[in-house]
C-alpha cells in the first residue's frame, strides 16, 4: 500500500488548511493508497536549529531525526497551505528547509488557497520545490476561497459541498500519483 502525507502548511489555531487537509485525505485514499494528515502545528519543528546544513544529512536534533523518519515513511506528499501576502507560511518553509535529501524525487502536489486561488503562493513555493528537487505532479489545486468562507462551524458535508467543484481535480491528482508510482516500479 502506498502512503501519501497531506501536510497542513499553516499552524494557526483555526486553520482552514487543516479543514482542507481533512477533506482531501479521504478523497486521496483508496484500496491501494492511504493518505494521512500531518499537521505542522503538532510536529512543532524548531526554526532551523541544526548545527550543520540539512544537505549534509547529519541530523543531531531529535525533532529533525523524527521529521526525517516521518517523511521517509511516505511515497508522496500533498502540501495544503494558504496564500499569505503573495507567499506561503513560514512554518511550511521551515518544514522543507529542515530536511534536504528526503524531498529529492518525492512525488509532490500542492493545494493553495486564497481569495484569488493562491496563485502567487503556489508560484513562490514552486521555486522552493525545484530547489529540493521533488517530482512535482502536473495536478495541483488552487482553491478560490474568500476569507471566512470556510469556518470551524461548517460541517464536513457543508465543506464537501463547497469544494465539490474541485473533486474532479482531486481525482486527477490521485491518478497522477498512481501513474507516477507505476512508471517508477
N, C-alpha and C. Protein backbone atom coordinates (compact mmCIF):
# COMPACT_ATOMS: atom_id res chain seq x y z
N UNK A 1 0.84 -1.19 0.00
CA UNK A 1 0.00 0.00 0.00
C UNK A 1 0.88 1.24 0.00
N UNK A 2 0.57 2.18 -0.87
CA UNK A 2 1.28 3.45 -0.94
C UNK A 2 0.70 4.41 0.10
N UNK A 3 1.56 5.32 0.57
CA UNK A 3 1.14 6.29 1.59
C UNK A 3 1.42 7.71 1.11
N UNK A 4 0.43 8.58 1.29
CA UNK A 4 0.56 9.99 0.97
C UNK A 4 0.41 10.79 2.26
N UNK A 5 1.34 11.70 2.50
CA UNK A 5 1.23 12.64 3.61
C UNK A 5 0.54 13.89 3.10
N UNK A 6 -0.55 14.26 3.76
CA UNK A 6 -1.23 15.51 3.44
C UNK A 6 -0.82 16.47 4.55
N UNK A 7 0.09 17.38 4.23
CA UNK A 7 0.72 18.23 5.24
C UNK A 7 -0.01 19.56 5.36
N UNK A 8 -0.47 19.84 6.57
CA UNK A 8 -1.13 21.12 6.89
C UNK A 8 -0.03 22.17 6.99
N UNK A 9 0.03 23.07 6.04
CA UNK A 9 1.11 24.04 5.95
C UNK A 9 0.87 25.35 6.66
N UNK A 10 0.05 25.33 7.68
CA UNK A 10 -0.21 26.52 8.49
C UNK A 10 -0.33 26.05 9.94
N UNK A 11 0.10 26.88 10.86
CA UNK A 11 -0.03 26.48 12.27
C UNK A 11 -1.02 27.35 13.04
N UNK A 12 -1.92 27.99 12.34
CA UNK A 12 -2.97 28.77 13.01
C UNK A 12 -3.89 27.85 13.81
N UNK A 13 -4.38 28.38 14.91
CA UNK A 13 -5.30 27.61 15.75
C UNK A 13 -6.56 27.23 14.99
N UNK A 14 -7.14 28.18 14.29
CA UNK A 14 -8.35 27.92 13.48
C UNK A 14 -7.93 27.88 12.01
N UNK A 15 -7.20 26.85 11.65
CA UNK A 15 -6.60 26.73 10.33
C UNK A 15 -7.58 26.20 9.29
N UNK A 16 -7.78 26.97 8.24
CA UNK A 16 -8.55 26.49 7.10
C UNK A 16 -7.77 25.36 6.42
N UNK A 17 -6.45 25.48 6.42
CA UNK A 17 -5.61 24.42 5.83
C UNK A 17 -5.91 23.07 6.46
N UNK A 18 -6.08 23.06 7.76
CA UNK A 18 -6.39 21.81 8.48
C UNK A 18 -7.72 21.24 8.00
N UNK A 19 -8.73 22.10 7.88
CA UNK A 19 -10.04 21.64 7.40
C UNK A 19 -9.92 21.07 5.99
N UNK A 20 -9.15 21.74 5.14
CA UNK A 20 -8.98 21.27 3.76
C UNK A 20 -8.21 19.96 3.71
N UNK A 21 -7.21 19.82 4.55
CA UNK A 21 -6.42 18.58 4.58
C UNK A 21 -7.30 17.40 4.99
N UNK A 22 -8.17 17.59 5.98
CA UNK A 22 -9.05 16.51 6.41
C UNK A 22 -10.15 16.23 5.39
N UNK A 23 -10.49 17.20 4.55
CA UNK A 23 -11.40 16.96 3.43
C UNK A 23 -10.67 16.17 2.33
N UNK A 24 -9.41 16.51 2.08
CA UNK A 24 -8.65 15.94 0.98
C UNK A 24 -8.19 14.50 1.24
N UNK A 25 -7.72 14.21 2.43
CA UNK A 25 -7.12 12.90 2.72
C UNK A 25 -8.04 11.73 2.36
N UNK A 26 -9.31 11.73 2.75
CA UNK A 26 -10.16 10.60 2.37
C UNK A 26 -10.39 10.50 0.85
N UNK A 27 -10.36 11.64 0.16
CA UNK A 27 -10.55 11.61 -1.29
C UNK A 27 -9.34 11.01 -2.00
N UNK A 28 -8.16 11.15 -1.41
CA UNK A 28 -6.95 10.57 -1.99
C UNK A 28 -6.76 9.11 -1.61
N UNK A 29 -7.40 8.70 -0.54
CA UNK A 29 -7.27 7.32 -0.05
C UNK A 29 -8.12 6.38 -0.89
N UNK A 30 -7.68 5.13 -0.93
CA UNK A 30 -8.42 4.11 -1.66
C UNK A 30 -7.90 2.74 -1.29
N UNK A 31 -8.19 1.76 -2.13
CA UNK A 31 -7.76 0.39 -1.85
C UNK A 31 -6.25 0.25 -1.79
N UNK A 32 -5.55 1.02 -2.61
CA UNK A 32 -4.09 0.89 -2.69
C UNK A 32 -3.35 2.08 -2.12
N UNK A 33 -4.08 3.06 -1.59
CA UNK A 33 -3.45 4.30 -1.11
C UNK A 33 -4.05 4.69 0.25
N UNK A 34 -3.17 5.05 1.16
CA UNK A 34 -3.58 5.58 2.45
C UNK A 34 -3.04 7.00 2.55
N UNK A 35 -3.91 7.97 2.76
CA UNK A 35 -3.50 9.36 2.93
C UNK A 35 -3.68 9.75 4.38
N UNK A 36 -2.62 10.26 4.99
CA UNK A 36 -2.63 10.68 6.39
C UNK A 36 -2.40 12.18 6.48
N UNK A 37 -3.09 12.82 7.40
CA UNK A 37 -2.88 14.24 7.64
C UNK A 37 -1.74 14.40 8.64
N UNK A 38 -0.78 15.25 8.28
CA UNK A 38 0.30 15.64 9.19
C UNK A 38 0.17 17.14 9.41
N UNK A 39 -0.03 17.51 10.65
CA UNK A 39 -0.27 18.90 11.00
C UNK A 39 1.03 19.52 11.53
N UNK A 40 1.57 20.50 10.82
CA UNK A 40 2.82 21.12 11.25
C UNK A 40 2.69 21.80 12.62
N UNK A 41 1.47 22.13 13.02
CA UNK A 41 1.28 22.71 14.35
C UNK A 41 1.61 21.70 15.45
N UNK A 42 1.39 20.42 15.16
CA UNK A 42 1.70 19.40 16.16
C UNK A 42 3.09 18.79 15.96
N UNK A 43 3.64 18.88 14.76
CA UNK A 43 5.01 18.41 14.54
C UNK A 43 5.97 19.31 15.32
N UNK A 44 5.68 20.60 15.36
CA UNK A 44 6.40 21.57 16.19
C UNK A 44 7.92 21.55 15.97
N UNK A 45 8.33 21.76 14.73
CA UNK A 45 9.75 21.83 14.42
C UNK A 45 10.33 23.16 14.87
N UNK A 46 11.46 23.14 15.56
CA UNK A 46 12.13 24.42 15.86
C UNK A 46 12.58 25.06 14.56
N UNK A 47 12.78 26.36 14.57
CA UNK A 47 13.20 27.04 13.35
C UNK A 47 14.69 26.83 13.10
N UNK A 48 14.99 26.02 12.10
CA UNK A 48 16.33 25.80 11.57
C UNK A 48 17.43 25.83 12.62
N UNK A 49 17.39 24.89 13.54
CA UNK A 49 18.38 24.91 14.62
C UNK A 49 19.39 23.78 14.56
N UNK A 50 19.50 23.10 13.41
CA UNK A 50 20.52 22.06 13.25
C UNK A 50 21.89 22.73 13.14
N UNK A 51 22.91 22.17 13.79
CA UNK A 51 24.25 22.76 13.72
C UNK A 51 24.87 22.71 12.32
N UNK A 52 24.51 21.68 11.53
CA UNK A 52 25.04 21.56 10.17
C UNK A 52 23.95 21.81 9.15
N UNK A 53 24.36 22.06 7.92
CA UNK A 53 23.39 22.24 6.84
C UNK A 53 22.58 20.96 6.64
N UNK A 54 21.29 21.06 6.38
CA UNK A 54 20.48 19.86 6.15
C UNK A 54 21.00 19.00 5.00
N UNK A 55 21.61 19.61 4.01
CA UNK A 55 22.11 18.83 2.87
C UNK A 55 23.23 17.87 3.27
N UNK A 56 23.87 18.11 4.41
CA UNK A 56 24.90 17.19 4.89
C UNK A 56 24.29 15.90 5.42
N UNK A 57 23.04 15.98 5.88
CA UNK A 57 22.33 14.79 6.36
C UNK A 57 22.78 14.30 7.72
N UNK A 58 23.50 15.12 8.45
CA UNK A 58 23.99 14.74 9.79
C UNK A 58 23.10 15.36 10.85
N UNK A 59 21.89 14.90 10.93
CA UNK A 59 20.94 15.49 11.86
C UNK A 59 21.31 15.14 13.30
N UNK A 60 21.23 16.13 14.16
CA UNK A 60 21.58 15.92 15.56
C UNK A 60 20.39 16.11 16.49
N UNK A 61 19.44 16.92 16.08
CA UNK A 61 18.28 17.18 16.94
C UNK A 61 17.22 16.10 16.75
N UNK A 62 16.66 15.65 17.85
CA UNK A 62 15.65 14.59 17.79
C UNK A 62 14.45 15.01 16.94
N UNK A 63 14.07 16.29 17.00
CA UNK A 63 12.93 16.75 16.20
C UNK A 63 13.21 16.58 14.71
N UNK A 64 14.43 16.84 14.28
CA UNK A 64 14.79 16.68 12.87
C UNK A 64 14.85 15.21 12.50
N UNK A 65 15.42 14.40 13.36
CA UNK A 65 15.51 12.95 13.11
C UNK A 65 14.11 12.37 12.97
N UNK A 66 13.20 12.76 13.86
CA UNK A 66 11.82 12.28 13.81
C UNK A 66 11.12 12.76 12.54
N UNK A 67 11.32 14.01 12.17
CA UNK A 67 10.71 14.58 10.96
C UNK A 67 11.22 13.84 9.72
N UNK A 68 12.51 13.57 9.69
CA UNK A 68 13.11 12.83 8.58
C UNK A 68 12.48 11.45 8.45
N UNK A 69 12.39 10.73 9.54
CA UNK A 69 11.79 9.38 9.50
C UNK A 69 10.33 9.44 9.05
N UNK A 70 9.62 10.45 9.54
CA UNK A 70 8.21 10.57 9.17
C UNK A 70 8.07 10.80 7.66
N UNK A 71 8.82 11.72 7.10
CA UNK A 71 8.73 11.99 5.66
C UNK A 71 9.18 10.79 4.85
N UNK A 72 10.24 10.10 5.29
CA UNK A 72 10.73 8.93 4.56
C UNK A 72 9.73 7.78 4.55
N UNK A 73 8.77 7.79 5.46
CA UNK A 73 7.78 6.71 5.51
C UNK A 73 6.66 6.89 4.47
N UNK A 74 6.70 7.99 3.70
CA UNK A 74 5.65 8.27 2.72
C UNK A 74 6.17 8.15 1.29
N UNK A 75 5.25 7.77 0.41
CA UNK A 75 5.55 7.63 -1.01
C UNK A 75 5.20 8.88 -1.80
N UNK A 76 4.56 9.83 -1.17
CA UNK A 76 4.17 11.08 -1.81
C UNK A 76 3.68 12.07 -0.76
N UNK A 77 3.63 13.33 -1.15
CA UNK A 77 3.21 14.40 -0.24
C UNK A 77 2.31 15.37 -0.98
N UNK A 78 1.30 15.86 -0.26
CA UNK A 78 0.50 16.98 -0.73
C UNK A 78 0.59 18.06 0.35
N UNK A 79 1.06 19.24 -0.03
CA UNK A 79 1.12 20.37 0.88
C UNK A 79 -0.15 21.19 0.72
N UNK A 80 -0.81 21.50 1.83
CA UNK A 80 -2.03 22.30 1.82
C UNK A 80 -1.75 23.57 2.61
N UNK A 81 -1.86 24.73 1.95
CA UNK A 81 -1.48 25.97 2.64
C UNK A 81 -2.22 27.17 2.06
N UNK A 82 -2.35 28.22 2.87
CA UNK A 82 -2.95 29.46 2.40
C UNK A 82 -1.92 30.36 1.72
N UNK A 83 -2.43 31.31 1.00
CA UNK A 83 -1.57 32.36 0.46
C UNK A 83 -1.53 33.48 1.47
N UNK A 84 -0.33 33.85 1.90
CA UNK A 84 -0.12 34.97 2.82
C UNK A 84 0.69 36.03 2.09
N UNK A 85 0.10 37.17 1.84
CA UNK A 85 0.84 38.28 1.24
C UNK A 85 1.64 37.84 0.00
N UNK A 86 1.00 37.06 -0.85
CA UNK A 86 1.58 36.54 -2.08
C UNK A 86 2.64 35.50 -1.83
N UNK A 87 2.71 34.98 -0.62
CA UNK A 87 3.67 33.94 -0.28
C UNK A 87 2.96 32.83 0.47
N UNK A 88 3.73 32.07 1.21
CA UNK A 88 3.20 30.93 1.95
C UNK A 88 3.72 31.03 3.38
N UNK A 89 3.13 30.31 4.31
CA UNK A 89 3.51 30.42 5.72
C UNK A 89 4.95 30.00 6.01
N UNK A 90 5.56 30.69 6.96
CA UNK A 90 6.94 30.40 7.37
C UNK A 90 7.08 28.98 7.91
N UNK A 91 6.06 28.48 8.59
CA UNK A 91 6.14 27.13 9.15
C UNK A 91 6.31 26.09 8.04
N UNK A 92 5.74 26.36 6.88
CA UNK A 92 5.87 25.45 5.73
C UNK A 92 7.30 25.50 5.17
N UNK A 93 7.85 26.69 5.01
CA UNK A 93 9.23 26.83 4.53
C UNK A 93 10.19 26.15 5.50
N UNK A 94 9.97 26.33 6.78
CA UNK A 94 10.82 25.70 7.79
C UNK A 94 10.76 24.18 7.70
N UNK A 95 9.57 23.64 7.47
CA UNK A 95 9.42 22.18 7.35
C UNK A 95 10.21 21.64 6.17
N UNK A 96 10.22 22.39 5.08
CA UNK A 96 11.01 21.99 3.91
C UNK A 96 12.50 22.12 4.22
N UNK A 97 12.90 23.28 4.74
CA UNK A 97 14.32 23.58 4.93
C UNK A 97 14.98 22.74 6.02
N UNK A 98 14.21 22.17 6.91
CA UNK A 98 14.78 21.34 7.98
C UNK A 98 15.41 20.08 7.42
N UNK A 99 14.90 19.60 6.28
CA UNK A 99 15.41 18.39 5.63
C UNK A 99 15.99 18.74 4.27
N UNK A 100 16.56 17.76 3.61
CA UNK A 100 17.02 18.00 2.24
C UNK A 100 16.85 16.75 1.38
N UNK A 101 17.65 15.73 1.61
CA UNK A 101 17.63 14.55 0.75
C UNK A 101 16.28 13.84 0.77
N UNK A 102 15.54 13.97 1.85
CA UNK A 102 14.24 13.30 1.97
C UNK A 102 13.26 13.77 0.91
N UNK A 103 13.42 14.99 0.43
CA UNK A 103 12.50 15.55 -0.57
C UNK A 103 12.87 15.13 -1.99
N UNK A 104 14.13 14.86 -2.23
CA UNK A 104 14.62 14.59 -3.59
C UNK A 104 13.85 13.44 -4.25
N UNK A 105 13.21 13.74 -5.38
CA UNK A 105 12.49 12.74 -6.15
C UNK A 105 11.13 12.34 -5.59
N UNK A 106 10.77 12.87 -4.44
CA UNK A 106 9.49 12.52 -3.81
C UNK A 106 8.34 13.13 -4.64
N UNK A 107 7.34 12.33 -5.00
CA UNK A 107 6.18 12.89 -5.70
C UNK A 107 5.43 13.89 -4.80
N UNK A 108 5.24 15.10 -5.31
CA UNK A 108 4.64 16.18 -4.51
C UNK A 108 3.58 16.90 -5.32
N UNK A 109 2.47 17.18 -4.66
CA UNK A 109 1.42 18.04 -5.21
C UNK A 109 1.14 19.13 -4.18
N UNK A 110 0.49 20.18 -4.62
CA UNK A 110 0.17 21.28 -3.71
C UNK A 110 -1.31 21.65 -3.83
N UNK A 111 -1.81 22.16 -2.72
CA UNK A 111 -3.15 22.75 -2.68
C UNK A 111 -2.99 24.10 -1.98
N UNK A 112 -3.07 25.16 -2.76
CA UNK A 112 -3.01 26.51 -2.19
C UNK A 112 -4.38 27.15 -2.34
N UNK A 113 -4.68 28.04 -1.42
CA UNK A 113 -5.98 28.70 -1.47
C UNK A 113 -5.86 30.15 -1.04
N UNK A 114 -6.84 30.90 -1.46
CA UNK A 114 -6.93 32.31 -1.11
C UNK A 114 -8.05 32.95 -1.89
N UNK A 115 -8.23 34.23 -1.67
CA UNK A 115 -9.28 34.97 -2.37
C UNK A 115 -9.13 34.95 -3.87
N UNK A 116 -7.89 34.76 -4.33
CA UNK A 116 -7.62 34.67 -5.77
C UNK A 116 -6.99 33.33 -6.12
N UNK A 117 -7.23 32.31 -5.31
CA UNK A 117 -6.80 30.96 -5.62
C UNK A 117 -5.41 30.56 -5.19
N UNK A 118 -4.68 31.45 -4.56
CA UNK A 118 -3.35 31.07 -4.06
C UNK A 118 -2.28 30.98 -5.13
N UNK A 119 -2.50 31.61 -6.28
CA UNK A 119 -1.56 31.52 -7.39
C UNK A 119 -0.16 32.00 -7.01
N UNK A 120 -0.06 33.14 -6.35
CA UNK A 120 1.26 33.69 -6.02
C UNK A 120 2.00 32.80 -5.02
N UNK A 121 1.28 32.23 -4.05
CA UNK A 121 1.91 31.33 -3.09
C UNK A 121 2.41 30.07 -3.80
N UNK A 122 1.60 29.56 -4.70
CA UNK A 122 1.98 28.37 -5.46
C UNK A 122 3.22 28.66 -6.30
N UNK A 123 3.27 29.82 -6.91
CA UNK A 123 4.41 30.21 -7.73
C UNK A 123 5.68 30.31 -6.88
N UNK A 124 5.59 30.97 -5.75
CA UNK A 124 6.75 31.12 -4.86
C UNK A 124 7.20 29.76 -4.32
N UNK A 125 6.25 28.93 -3.94
CA UNK A 125 6.59 27.62 -3.38
C UNK A 125 7.17 26.70 -4.44
N UNK A 126 6.75 26.87 -5.68
CA UNK A 126 7.29 26.07 -6.79
C UNK A 126 8.80 26.20 -6.88
N UNK A 127 9.31 27.41 -6.65
CA UNK A 127 10.76 27.62 -6.70
C UNK A 127 11.47 26.84 -5.60
N UNK A 128 10.88 26.79 -4.43
CA UNK A 128 11.44 26.03 -3.31
C UNK A 128 11.44 24.54 -3.65
N UNK A 129 10.31 24.07 -4.20
CA UNK A 129 10.22 22.65 -4.56
C UNK A 129 11.23 22.28 -5.64
N UNK A 130 11.48 23.18 -6.57
CA UNK A 130 12.52 22.94 -7.57
C UNK A 130 13.88 22.82 -6.91
N UNK A 131 14.12 23.66 -5.91
CA UNK A 131 15.41 23.67 -5.22
C UNK A 131 15.71 22.38 -4.49
N UNK A 132 14.69 21.73 -3.95
CA UNK A 132 14.91 20.46 -3.24
C UNK A 132 14.65 19.27 -4.15
N UNK A 133 14.38 19.55 -5.40
CA UNK A 133 14.29 18.54 -6.47
C UNK A 133 13.24 17.46 -6.24
N UNK A 134 12.05 17.90 -5.86
CA UNK A 134 10.93 16.96 -5.76
C UNK A 134 10.48 16.59 -7.17
N UNK A 135 9.61 15.61 -7.25
CA UNK A 135 8.98 15.23 -8.51
C UNK A 135 7.57 15.83 -8.47
N UNK A 136 7.44 17.04 -8.96
CA UNK A 136 6.18 17.79 -8.86
C UNK A 136 5.15 17.20 -9.81
N UNK A 137 4.00 16.90 -9.26
CA UNK A 137 2.91 16.37 -10.08
C UNK A 137 2.34 17.46 -10.99
N UNK A 138 1.76 17.07 -12.11
CA UNK A 138 1.18 18.06 -13.02
C UNK A 138 -0.17 18.59 -12.53
N UNK A 139 -0.74 17.96 -11.51
CA UNK A 139 -2.04 18.38 -11.00
C UNK A 139 -1.86 18.98 -9.61
N UNK A 140 -2.15 20.27 -9.50
CA UNK A 140 -2.04 21.00 -8.24
C UNK A 140 -3.26 21.90 -8.15
N UNK A 141 -3.86 21.97 -6.97
CA UNK A 141 -5.11 22.71 -6.83
C UNK A 141 -4.86 24.13 -6.34
N UNK A 142 -5.64 25.04 -6.89
CA UNK A 142 -5.70 26.42 -6.41
C UNK A 142 -7.17 26.70 -6.13
N UNK A 143 -7.47 26.83 -4.86
CA UNK A 143 -8.86 26.98 -4.44
C UNK A 143 -9.19 28.45 -4.21
N UNK A 144 -10.21 28.92 -4.89
CA UNK A 144 -10.68 30.29 -4.68
C UNK A 144 -11.61 30.31 -3.47
N UNK A 145 -11.08 30.73 -2.35
CA UNK A 145 -11.87 30.79 -1.11
C UNK A 145 -11.69 32.15 -0.47
N UNK A 146 -12.77 32.86 -0.31
CA UNK A 146 -12.73 34.16 0.35
C UNK A 146 -12.51 33.98 1.85
N UNK A 147 -11.96 35.00 2.47
CA UNK A 147 -11.77 34.97 3.92
C UNK A 147 -13.12 34.74 4.59
N UNK A 148 -13.18 33.78 5.50
CA UNK A 148 -14.42 33.48 6.22
C UNK A 148 -15.34 32.52 5.51
N UNK A 149 -15.00 32.10 4.31
CA UNK A 149 -15.87 31.19 3.57
C UNK A 149 -15.84 29.79 4.17
N UNK A 150 -14.72 29.38 4.72
CA UNK A 150 -14.60 28.10 5.43
C UNK A 150 -14.46 28.43 6.90
N UNK A 151 -15.37 27.88 7.71
CA UNK A 151 -15.36 28.18 9.13
C UNK A 151 -15.25 26.90 9.96
N UNK A 152 -14.91 27.07 11.21
CA UNK A 152 -14.85 25.94 12.15
C UNK A 152 -16.23 25.31 12.34
N UNK A 153 -17.27 26.12 12.20
CA UNK A 153 -18.63 25.66 12.45
C UNK A 153 -19.21 24.85 11.30
N UNK A 154 -18.60 24.93 10.14
CA UNK A 154 -19.10 24.18 8.98
C UNK A 154 -19.02 22.69 9.25
N UNK A 155 -20.04 21.99 8.85
CA UNK A 155 -19.98 20.53 8.94
C UNK A 155 -19.12 20.00 7.80
N UNK A 156 -18.69 18.77 7.91
CA UNK A 156 -17.91 18.15 6.84
C UNK A 156 -18.72 18.11 5.55
N UNK A 157 -20.03 17.87 5.67
CA UNK A 157 -20.89 17.83 4.48
C UNK A 157 -20.98 19.21 3.82
N UNK A 158 -21.07 20.26 4.61
CA UNK A 158 -21.12 21.62 4.05
C UNK A 158 -19.80 21.97 3.35
N UNK A 159 -18.69 21.57 3.96
CA UNK A 159 -17.39 21.82 3.35
C UNK A 159 -17.26 21.03 2.04
N UNK A 160 -17.69 19.78 2.05
CA UNK A 160 -17.63 18.95 0.84
C UNK A 160 -18.47 19.57 -0.28
N UNK A 161 -19.62 20.10 0.07
CA UNK A 161 -20.47 20.74 -0.94
C UNK A 161 -19.80 21.99 -1.51
N UNK A 162 -19.19 22.79 -0.64
CA UNK A 162 -18.49 23.99 -1.09
C UNK A 162 -17.34 23.63 -2.04
N UNK A 163 -16.65 22.53 -1.74
CA UNK A 163 -15.48 22.13 -2.51
C UNK A 163 -15.79 21.15 -3.63
N UNK A 164 -17.06 20.86 -3.85
CA UNK A 164 -17.47 19.92 -4.89
C UNK A 164 -16.87 20.24 -6.27
N UNK A 165 -16.78 21.52 -6.65
CA UNK A 165 -16.20 21.82 -7.96
C UNK A 165 -14.73 21.38 -8.13
N UNK A 166 -14.05 21.11 -7.02
CA UNK A 166 -12.64 20.72 -7.07
C UNK A 166 -12.43 19.21 -7.01
N UNK A 167 -13.49 18.45 -6.79
CA UNK A 167 -13.34 17.00 -6.64
C UNK A 167 -12.77 16.32 -7.87
N UNK A 168 -13.12 16.79 -9.04
CA UNK A 168 -12.58 16.17 -10.26
C UNK A 168 -11.08 16.39 -10.35
N UNK A 169 -10.59 17.54 -9.87
CA UNK A 169 -9.15 17.80 -9.86
C UNK A 169 -8.45 16.90 -8.84
N UNK A 170 -9.10 16.62 -7.73
CA UNK A 170 -8.53 15.72 -6.73
C UNK A 170 -8.41 14.32 -7.33
N UNK A 171 -9.41 13.89 -8.08
CA UNK A 171 -9.34 12.58 -8.74
C UNK A 171 -8.18 12.54 -9.73
N UNK A 172 -7.94 13.64 -10.44
CA UNK A 172 -6.81 13.72 -11.36
C UNK A 172 -5.48 13.68 -10.60
N UNK A 173 -5.45 14.32 -9.43
CA UNK A 173 -4.25 14.30 -8.59
C UNK A 173 -3.96 12.87 -8.13
N UNK A 174 -5.00 12.19 -7.67
CA UNK A 174 -4.86 10.81 -7.24
C UNK A 174 -4.33 9.94 -8.39
N UNK A 175 -4.87 10.15 -9.58
CA UNK A 175 -4.42 9.38 -10.75
C UNK A 175 -2.97 9.72 -11.11
N UNK A 176 -2.59 10.99 -10.94
CA UNK A 176 -1.21 11.39 -11.23
C UNK A 176 -0.23 10.69 -10.30
N UNK A 177 -0.58 10.56 -9.02
CA UNK A 177 0.26 9.79 -8.09
C UNK A 177 0.38 8.35 -8.57
N UNK A 178 -0.76 7.74 -8.89
CA UNK A 178 -0.76 6.34 -9.33
C UNK A 178 0.10 6.15 -10.59
N UNK A 179 -0.06 7.03 -11.54
CA UNK A 179 0.70 6.95 -12.79
C UNK A 179 2.19 7.04 -12.53
N UNK A 180 2.57 7.96 -11.67
CA UNK A 180 3.98 8.15 -11.35
C UNK A 180 4.56 6.92 -10.64
N UNK A 181 3.84 6.39 -9.69
CA UNK A 181 4.30 5.21 -8.97
C UNK A 181 4.45 4.01 -9.92
N UNK A 182 3.46 3.82 -10.81
CA UNK A 182 3.53 2.70 -11.74
C UNK A 182 4.70 2.85 -12.71
N UNK A 183 4.96 4.08 -13.10
CA UNK A 183 6.05 4.35 -14.04
C UNK A 183 7.42 4.07 -13.42
N UNK A 184 7.53 4.25 -12.10
CA UNK A 184 8.81 4.08 -11.42
C UNK A 184 8.98 2.70 -10.78
N UNK A 185 8.06 1.81 -10.98
CA UNK A 185 8.19 0.45 -10.41
C UNK A 185 8.80 -0.49 -11.40
